[in-house]
């Protein structure tokens, strides 16, 4: 995703500072870093979307609603709420906008039973999760 080692280090530093609120809570819990907690949020979001897709395929309308509501909570109360908009700069603003788009598509998928919208959300979140996991070594080294 990133070109040089210096660019990767700068991106790791910037991304690790995006979720200051989550980092503080992670440190307070004593068992997970903020970086790991964000990774868990991405994984939970992907799992909720997958449950929604399964519910659409089986015609389970209440299950679809519960799964998508869970995905929306993970984005709103976890990922978006944890963004450090003051220090995160353009990257935080871009992520906030992307999360808003994913929320819109999740809502549309819920209203329309649209599996393609959920597939799009899955692809977007996987891209974010993969980028997030690529910076893990730099975050652990404190770069």
C-alpha atoms as a PDB file:
ATOM      1  CA  UNK A   1       0.000   0.000   0.000  1.00  0.00           C
ATOM      2  CA  UNK A   2       2.831   2.433   0.818  1.00  0.00           C
ATOM      3  CA  UNK A   3       5.978   3.099  -1.220  1.00  0.00           C
ATOM      4  CA  UNK A   4       9.075   3.506   0.955  1.00  0.00           C
ATOM      5  CA  UNK A   5      10.026   2.496   4.476  1.00  0.00           C
ATOM      6  CA  UNK A   6      10.033   6.164   5.506  1.00  0.00           C
ATOM      7  CA  UNK A   7       6.562   6.654   4.071  1.00  0.00           C
ATOM      8  CA  UNK A   8       5.402   3.478   5.835  1.00  0.00           C
ATOM      9  CA  UNK A   9       6.797   4.696   9.150  1.00  0.00           C
ATOM     10  CA  UNK A  10       5.125   8.085   8.757  1.00  0.00           C
ATOM     11  CA  UNK A  11       1.835   6.415   7.808  1.00  0.00           C
ATOM     12  CA  UNK A  12       2.090   4.057  10.793  1.00  0.00           C
ATOM     13  CA  UNK A  13       2.670   6.978  13.120  1.00  0.00           C
ATOM     14  CA  UNK A  14      -0.206   8.975  11.644  1.00  0.00           C
ATOM     15  CA  UNK A  15      -2.611   6.022  11.644  1.00  0.00           C
ATOM     16  CA  UNK A  16      -1.720   4.969  15.162  1.00  0.00           C
ATOM     17  CA  UNK A  17      -2.555   8.496  16.364  1.00  0.00           C
ATOM     18  CA  UNK A  18      -5.951   8.442  14.669  1.00  0.00           C
ATOM     19  CA  UNK A  19      -7.568   6.432  17.406  1.00  0.00           C
ATOM     20  CA  UNK A  20      -6.306   8.182  20.527  1.00  0.00           C
ATOM     21  CA  UNK A  21      -9.520   7.591  22.472  1.00  0.00           C
ATOM     22  CA  UNK A  22      -9.354   3.853  21.797  1.00  0.00           C
ATOM     23  CA  UNK A  23      -5.637   3.802  22.670  1.00  0.00           C
ATOM     24  CA  UNK A  24      -6.345   5.358  26.055  1.00  0.00           C
ATOM     25  CA  UNK A  25      -9.119   2.853  26.767  1.00  0.00           C
ATOM     26  CA  UNK A  26      -6.879   0.018  25.577  1.00  0.00           C
ATOM     27  CA  UNK A  27      -4.084   1.077  27.866  1.00  0.00           C
ATOM     28  CA  UNK A  28      -6.542   1.356  30.754  1.00  0.00           C
ATOM     29  CA  UNK A  29      -7.781  -2.182  30.170  1.00  0.00           C
ATOM     30  CA  UNK A  30      -4.193  -3.386  30.414  1.00  0.00           C
ATOM     31  CA  UNK A  31      -4.594  -6.336  28.091  1.00  0.00           C
ATOM     32  CA  UNK A  32      -4.818  -4.878  24.584  1.00  0.00           C
ATOM     33  CA  UNK A  33      -3.125  -2.026  22.761  1.00  0.00           C
ATOM     34  CA  UNK A  34      -5.230   0.569  21.021  1.00  0.00           C
ATOM     35  CA  UNK A  35      -3.977  -0.791  17.714  1.00  0.00           C
ATOM     36  CA  UNK A  36      -5.210  -4.274  18.601  1.00  0.00           C
ATOM     37  CA  UNK A  37      -8.595  -2.919  19.692  1.00  0.00           C
ATOM     38  CA  UNK A  38      -9.102  -1.176  16.355  1.00  0.00           C
ATOM     39  CA  UNK A  39      -8.150  -4.415  14.586  1.00  0.00           C
ATOM     40  CA  UNK A  40     -10.790  -6.212  16.667  1.00  0.00           C
ATOM     41  CA  UNK A  41     -13.356  -3.585  15.663  1.00  0.00           C
ATOM     42  CA  UNK A  42     -12.566  -4.212  11.992  1.00  0.00           C
ATOM     43  CA  UNK A  43     -12.899  -7.962  12.520  1.00  0.00           C
ATOM     44  CA  UNK A  44     -16.174  -7.532  14.393  1.00  0.00           C
ATOM     45  CA  UNK A  45     -17.488  -5.274  11.648  1.00  0.00           C
ATOM     46  CA  UNK A  46     -16.626  -7.839   8.982  1.00  0.00           C
ATOM     47  CA  UNK A  47     -18.303 -10.585  11.019  1.00  0.00           C
ATOM     48  CA  UNK A  48     -21.480  -8.508  11.437  1.00  0.00           C
ATOM     49  CA  UNK A  49     -21.604  -7.789   7.708  1.00  0.00           C
ATOM     50  CA  UNK A  50     -21.109 -11.489   6.961  1.00  0.00           C
ATOM     51  CA  UNK A  51     -24.014 -12.335   9.285  1.00  0.00           C
ATOM     52  CA  UNK A  52     -26.128  -9.773   7.432  1.00  0.00           C
ATOM     53  CA  UNK A  53     -25.228 -11.311   4.086  1.00  0.00           C
ATOM     54  CA  UNK A  54     -26.096 -14.764   5.359  1.00  0.00           C
ATOM     55  CA  UNK A  55     -29.422 -13.510   6.683  1.00  0.00           C
ATOM     56  CA  UNK A  56     -30.257 -11.921   3.324  1.00  0.00           C
ATOM     57  CA  UNK A  57     -29.440 -15.167   1.519  1.00  0.00           C
ATOM     58  CA  UNK A  58     -31.673 -17.200   3.834  1.00  0.00           C
ATOM     59  CA  UNK A  59     -34.493 -14.655   3.964  1.00  0.00           C
ATOM     60  CA  UNK A  60     -34.021 -14.011   7.696  1.00  0.00           C
ATOM     61  CA  UNK A  61     -35.248 -10.405   7.809  1.00  0.00           C
ATOM     62  CA  UNK A  62     -34.974  -9.952  11.613  1.00  0.00           C
ATOM     63  CA  UNK A  63     -31.484 -11.469  11.567  1.00  0.00           C
ATOM     64  CA  UNK A  64     -30.458  -9.137   8.745  1.00  0.00           C
ATOM     65  CA  UNK A  65     -31.655  -6.161  10.761  1.00  0.00           C
ATOM     66  CA  UNK A  66     -29.810  -7.261  13.900  1.00  0.00           C
ATOM     67  CA  UNK A  67     -26.573  -7.942  12.031  1.00  0.00           C
ATOM     68  CA  UNK A  68     -26.600  -4.641  10.169  1.00  0.00           C
ATOM     69  CA  UNK A  69     -27.525  -2.744  13.348  1.00  0.00           C
ATOM     70  CA  UNK A  70     -24.503  -4.353  15.003  1.00  0.00           C
ATOM     71  CA  UNK A  71     -22.272  -3.283  12.097  1.00  0.00           C
ATOM     72  CA  UNK A  72     -23.605   0.267  12.322  1.00  0.00           C
ATOM     73  CA  UNK A  73     -22.881   0.376  16.073  1.00  0.00           C
ATOM     74  CA  UNK A  74     -19.320  -0.830  15.542  1.00  0.00           C
ATOM     75  CA  UNK A  75     -18.710   1.957  13.050  1.00  0.00           C
ATOM     76  CA  UNK A  76     -20.505   4.717  14.951  1.00  0.00           C
ATOM     77  CA  UNK A  77     -19.650   3.876  18.544  1.00  0.00           C
ATOM     78  CA  UNK A  78     -16.263   2.306  17.892  1.00  0.00           C
ATOM     79  CA  UNK A  79     -14.414   3.342  14.771  1.00  0.00           C
ATOM     80  CA  UNK A  80     -15.859   6.815  14.174  1.00  0.00           C
ATOM     81  CA  UNK A  81     -16.126   7.740  17.837  1.00  0.00           C
ATOM     82  CA  UNK A  82     -12.495   6.791  18.370  1.00  0.00           C
ATOM     83  CA  UNK A  83     -11.111   8.960  15.574  1.00  0.00           C
ATOM     84  CA  UNK A  84      -8.914  11.826  16.719  1.00  0.00           C
ATOM     85  CA  UNK A  85     -10.249  14.504  14.395  1.00  0.00           C
ATOM     86  CA  UNK A  86      -8.117  17.265  15.917  1.00  0.00           C
ATOM     87  CA  UNK A  87      -4.739  15.567  15.429  1.00  0.00           C
ATOM     88  CA  UNK A  88      -5.595  13.087  12.679  1.00  0.00           C
ATOM     89  CA  UNK A  89      -5.613  15.668   9.894  1.00  0.00           C
ATOM     90  CA  UNK A  90      -6.783  14.769   6.415  1.00  0.00           C
ATOM     91  CA  UNK A  91      -6.486  11.055   7.039  1.00  0.00           C
ATOM     92  CA  UNK A  92      -8.915  11.196   9.960  1.00  0.00           C
ATOM     93  CA  UNK A  93     -11.332  13.305   7.911  1.00  0.00           C
ATOM     94  CA  UNK A  94     -11.085  10.881   4.995  1.00  0.00           C
ATOM     95  CA  UNK A  95     -11.716   7.898   7.270  1.00  0.00           C
ATOM     96  CA  UNK A  96     -14.654   9.688   8.861  1.00  0.00           C
ATOM     97  CA  UNK A  97     -16.110  10.284   5.393  1.00  0.00           C
ATOM     98  CA  UNK A  98     -15.484   6.666   4.375  1.00  0.00           C
ATOM     99  CA  UNK A  99     -17.171   5.408   7.536  1.00  0.00           C
ATOM    100  CA  UNK A 100     -20.125   7.656   6.696  1.00  0.00           C
ATOM    101  CA  UNK A 101     -20.318   6.121   3.237  1.00  0.00           C
ATOM    102  CA  UNK A 102     -20.169   2.596   4.668  1.00  0.00           C
ATOM    103  CA  UNK A 103     -22.958   3.511   7.105  1.00  0.00           C
ATOM    104  CA  UNK A 104     -25.054   4.772   4.192  1.00  0.00           C
ATOM    105  CA  UNK A 105     -24.494   1.567   2.208  1.00  0.00           C
ATOM    106  CA  UNK A 106     -25.277  -0.589   5.257  1.00  0.00           C
ATOM    107  CA  UNK A 107     -28.516   1.309   5.771  1.00  0.00           C
ATOM    108  CA  UNK A 108     -29.425   0.908   2.098  1.00  0.00           C
ATOM    109  CA  UNK A 109     -28.622  -2.797   2.284  1.00  0.00           C
ATOM    110  CA  UNK A 110     -30.889  -3.148   5.284  1.00  0.00           C
ATOM    111  CA  UNK A 111     -33.777  -1.287   3.648  1.00  0.00           C
ATOM    112  CA  UNK A 112     -33.483  -3.059   0.291  1.00  0.00           C
ATOM    113  CA  UNK A 113     -32.091  -6.452   1.271  1.00  0.00           C
ATOM    114  CA  UNK A 114     -29.149  -5.575  -0.987  1.00  0.00           C
ATOM    115  CA  UNK A 115     -26.409  -8.187  -0.775  1.00  0.00           C
ATOM    116  CA  UNK A 116     -24.278  -6.295  -3.333  1.00  0.00           C
ATOM    117  CA  UNK A 117     -24.164  -3.284  -0.998  1.00  0.00           C
ATOM    118  CA  UNK A 118     -22.955  -5.528   1.828  1.00  0.00           C
ATOM    119  CA  UNK A 119     -20.336  -7.061  -0.483  1.00  0.00           C
ATOM    120  CA  UNK A 120     -19.115  -3.531  -1.273  1.00  0.00           C
ATOM    121  CA  UNK A 121     -18.887  -2.744   2.454  1.00  0.00           C
ATOM    122  CA  UNK A 122     -16.947  -5.961   3.022  1.00  0.00           C
ATOM    123  CA  UNK A 123     -14.405  -5.010   0.364  1.00  0.00           C
ATOM    124  CA  UNK A 124     -13.968  -1.501   1.776  1.00  0.00           C
ATOM    125  CA  UNK A 125     -13.516  -2.735   5.349  1.00  0.00           C
ATOM    126  CA  UNK A 126     -11.099  -5.486   4.286  1.00  0.00           C
ATOM    127  CA  UNK A 127      -8.946  -2.867   2.569  1.00  0.00           C
ATOM    128  CA  UNK A 128      -8.892  -0.799   5.768  1.00  0.00           C
ATOM    129  CA  UNK A 129      -8.197  -3.825   7.960  1.00  0.00           C
ATOM    130  CA  UNK A 130      -5.352  -4.972   5.705  1.00  0.00           C
ATOM    131  CA  UNK A 131      -3.750  -1.519   5.749  1.00  0.00           C
ATOM    132  CA  UNK A 132      -4.175  -1.377   9.519  1.00  0.00           C
ATOM    133  CA  UNK A 133      -2.528  -4.769   9.991  1.00  0.00           C
ATOM    134  CA  UNK A 134       0.400  -3.762   7.750  1.00  0.00           C
ATOM    135  CA  UNK A 135       1.384  -0.997  10.165  1.00  0.00           C
ATOM    136  CA  UNK A 136       1.288  -3.259  13.242  1.00  0.00           C
ATOM    137  CA  UNK A 137       5.072  -3.929  13.331  1.00  0.00           C
ATOM    138  CA  UNK A 138       5.847  -0.211  13.194  1.00  0.00           C
ATOM    139  CA  UNK A 139       3.305   0.552  15.907  1.00  0.00           C
ATOM    140  CA  UNK A 140       4.819  -2.139  18.151  1.00  0.00           C
ATOM    141  CA  UNK A 141       8.281  -0.598  17.650  1.00  0.00           C
ATOM    142  CA  UNK A 142       6.893   2.845  18.437  1.00  0.00           C
ATOM    143  CA  UNK A 143       7.694   4.370  15.036  1.00  0.00           C
END
